[in-house]
C-alpha atoms as a PDB file:
ATOM      1  CA  UNK A   1     149.099 104.877 155.400  1.00  0.00           C
ATOM      2  CA  UNK A   2     146.372 103.510 153.088  1.00  0.00           C
ATOM      3  CA  UNK A   3     143.858 106.003 154.569  1.00  0.00           C
ATOM      4  CA  UNK A   4     146.379 108.898 153.956  1.00  0.00           C
ATOM      5  CA  UNK A   5     146.872 107.775 150.293  1.00  0.00           C
ATOM      6  CA  UNK A   6     143.082 107.484 149.917  1.00  0.00           C
ATOM      7  CA  UNK A   7     142.551 111.051 151.197  1.00  0.00           C
ATOM      8  CA  UNK A   8     145.452 112.220 148.906  1.00  0.00           C
ATOM      9  CA  UNK A   9     143.805 110.703 145.843  1.00  0.00           C
ATOM     10  CA  UNK A  10     140.627 112.499 146.782  1.00  0.00           C
ATOM     11  CA  UNK A  11     142.443 115.793 147.010  1.00  0.00           C
ATOM     12  CA  UNK A  12     144.367 115.123 143.773  1.00  0.00           C
ATOM     13  CA  UNK A  13     141.117 114.815 141.789  1.00  0.00           C
ATOM     14  CA  UNK A  14     140.365 118.288 142.947  1.00  0.00           C
ATOM     15  CA  UNK A  15     143.674 119.728 142.220  1.00  0.00           C
ATOM     16  CA  UNK A  16     143.622 119.732 138.415  1.00  0.00           C
ATOM     17  CA  UNK A  17     142.162 123.062 138.084  1.00  0.00           C
ATOM     18  CA  UNK A  18     143.200 126.252 136.196  1.00  0.00           C
ATOM     19  CA  UNK A  19     146.212 127.704 137.820  1.00  0.00           C
ATOM     20  CA  UNK A  20     147.964 124.416 138.687  1.00  0.00           C
ATOM     21  CA  UNK A  21     149.616 124.198 135.288  1.00  0.00           C
ATOM     22  CA  UNK A  22     151.677 126.927 133.754  1.00  0.00           C
ATOM     23  CA  UNK A  23     150.285 129.342 131.099  1.00  0.00           C
ATOM     24  CA  UNK A  24     150.526 126.617 128.526  1.00  0.00           C
ATOM     25  CA  UNK A  25     147.620 124.851 129.901  1.00  0.00           C
ATOM     26  CA  UNK A  26     146.988 121.214 128.972  1.00  0.00           C
ATOM     27  CA  UNK A  27     144.887 120.897 125.949  1.00  0.00           C
ATOM     28  CA  UNK A  28     144.517 116.942 126.071  1.00  0.00           C
ATOM     29  CA  UNK A  29     146.234 114.333 128.047  1.00  0.00           C
ATOM     30  CA  UNK A  30     147.550 111.228 125.879  1.00  0.00           C
ATOM     31  CA  UNK A  31     146.195 107.725 125.982  1.00  0.00           C
ATOM     32  CA  UNK A  32     148.551 104.990 127.253  1.00  0.00           C
ATOM     33  CA  UNK A  33     149.177 104.042 123.571  1.00  0.00           C
ATOM     34  CA  UNK A  34     149.927 107.506 122.604  1.00  0.00           C
ATOM     35  CA  UNK A  35     152.173 108.000 125.698  1.00  0.00           C
ATOM     36  CA  UNK A  36     154.258 104.839 124.528  1.00  0.00           C
ATOM     37  CA  UNK A  37     154.466 106.256 121.065  1.00  0.00           C
ATOM     38  CA  UNK A  38     155.714 109.651 122.428  1.00  0.00           C
ATOM     39  CA  UNK A  39     158.342 107.976 124.627  1.00  0.00           C
ATOM     40  CA  UNK A  40     159.569 105.507 121.948  1.00  0.00           C
ATOM     41  CA  UNK A  41     159.873 108.277 119.415  1.00  0.00           C
ATOM     42  CA  UNK A  42     161.975 110.435 121.848  1.00  0.00           C
ATOM     43  CA  UNK A  43     159.329 113.285 122.272  1.00  0.00           C
ATOM     44  CA  UNK A  44     158.988 112.365 125.927  1.00  0.00           C
ATOM     45  CA  UNK A  45     161.306 110.927 128.608  1.00  0.00           C
ATOM     46  CA  UNK A  46     160.202 107.875 130.550  1.00  0.00           C
ATOM     47  CA  UNK A  47     157.839 108.388 133.515  1.00  0.00           C
ATOM     48  CA  UNK A  48     160.378 106.677 135.845  1.00  0.00           C
ATOM     49  CA  UNK A  49     162.721 109.805 135.362  1.00  0.00           C
ATOM     50  CA  UNK A  50     159.986 112.091 136.470  1.00  0.00           C
ATOM     51  CA  UNK A  51     159.124 109.936 139.472  1.00  0.00           C
ATOM     52  CA  UNK A  52     162.761 110.207 140.485  1.00  0.00           C
ATOM     53  CA  UNK A  53     162.670 113.883 140.587  1.00  0.00           C
ATOM     54  CA  UNK A  54     159.513 114.567 142.278  1.00  0.00           C
ATOM     55  CA  UNK A  55     159.985 112.524 145.458  1.00  0.00           C
ATOM     56  CA  UNK A  56     157.227 111.117 147.713  1.00  0.00           C
ATOM     57  CA  UNK A  57     154.523 108.807 146.748  1.00  0.00           C
ATOM     58  CA  UNK A  58     153.506 109.600 143.165  1.00  0.00           C
ATOM     59  CA  UNK A  59     149.732 109.394 142.943  1.00  0.00           C
ATOM     60  CA  UNK A  60     149.222 110.812 139.642  1.00  0.00           C
ATOM     61  CA  UNK A  61     151.363 111.143 136.466  1.00  0.00           C
ATOM     62  CA  UNK A  62     149.988 112.140 133.042  1.00  0.00           C
ATOM     63  CA  UNK A  63     151.556 113.068 129.693  1.00  0.00           C
ATOM     64  CA  UNK A  64     149.548 116.122 128.223  1.00  0.00           C
ATOM     65  CA  UNK A  65     149.766 118.116 125.049  1.00  0.00           C
ATOM     66  CA  UNK A  66     149.844 121.853 125.540  1.00  0.00           C
ATOM     67  CA  UNK A  67     150.331 124.753 123.236  1.00  0.00           C
ATOM     68  CA  UNK A  68     154.006 124.776 124.139  1.00  0.00           C
ATOM     69  CA  UNK A  69     154.450 120.981 123.679  1.00  0.00           C
ATOM     70  CA  UNK A  70     154.257 117.837 125.765  1.00  0.00           C
ATOM     71  CA  UNK A  71     154.529 117.972 129.518  1.00  0.00           C
ATOM     72  CA  UNK A  72     154.389 115.494 132.300  1.00  0.00           C
ATOM     73  CA  UNK A  73     151.929 116.590 135.056  1.00  0.00           C
ATOM     74  CA  UNK A  74     152.889 114.853 138.367  1.00  0.00           C
ATOM     75  CA  UNK A  75     151.234 114.806 141.780  1.00  0.00           C
ATOM     76  CA  UNK A  76     152.808 113.313 144.788  1.00  0.00           C
ATOM     77  CA  UNK A  77     152.188 112.972 148.433  1.00  0.00           C
ATOM     78  CA  UNK A  78     155.127 113.516 150.805  1.00  0.00           C
ATOM     79  CA  UNK A  79     155.906 111.678 153.936  1.00  0.00           C
ATOM     80  CA  UNK A  80     154.142 114.425 155.918  1.00  0.00           C
ATOM     81  CA  UNK A  81     151.039 114.136 153.831  1.00  0.00           C
ATOM     82  CA  UNK A  82     151.785 117.307 151.673  1.00  0.00           C
ATOM     83  CA  UNK A  83     150.210 117.107 148.204  1.00  0.00           C
ATOM     84  CA  UNK A  84     152.547 118.455 145.541  1.00  0.00           C
ATOM     85  CA  UNK A  85     151.724 119.073 141.956  1.00  0.00           C
ATOM     86  CA  UNK A  86     154.620 119.689 139.561  1.00  0.00           C
ATOM     87  CA  UNK A  87     154.900 120.142 135.821  1.00  0.00           C
ATOM     88  CA  UNK A  88     157.855 118.929 133.744  1.00  0.00           C
ATOM     89  CA  UNK A  89     159.049 119.430 130.119  1.00  0.00           C
ATOM     90  CA  UNK A  90     158.422 116.078 128.626  1.00  0.00           C
ATOM     91  CA  UNK A  91     161.413 116.076 126.350  1.00  0.00           C
ATOM     92  CA  UNK A  92     164.142 117.387 128.727  1.00  0.00           C
ATOM     93  CA  UNK A  93     162.533 116.471 132.152  1.00  0.00           C
ATOM     94  CA  UNK A  94     163.230 119.943 133.438  1.00  0.00           C
ATOM     95  CA  UNK A  95     160.696 121.104 135.980  1.00  0.00           C
ATOM     96  CA  UNK A  96     158.579 123.969 134.591  1.00  0.00           C
ATOM     97  CA  UNK A  97     156.436 124.424 137.733  1.00  0.00           C
END
């Protein structure tokens, strides 16, 4: 299992390329401090709510600013080793892609 996660992490680092995020491509991902501020001010839902939706082992979760607003970019590995990248509206939690 540890080897599978290590391989998945290696794959994940190569997944964040153009075309993975929707048209509103990420301009900048927020620091931990800026993420806390966005969550406490209500501009973004808690990361736990995104993790609950995506399923599998979450190996990457970033809150990023786009031209359309804040989005959560999530990457997870399913039980069968499939790597899935999803994008969620940060305020509503609705999956965008």
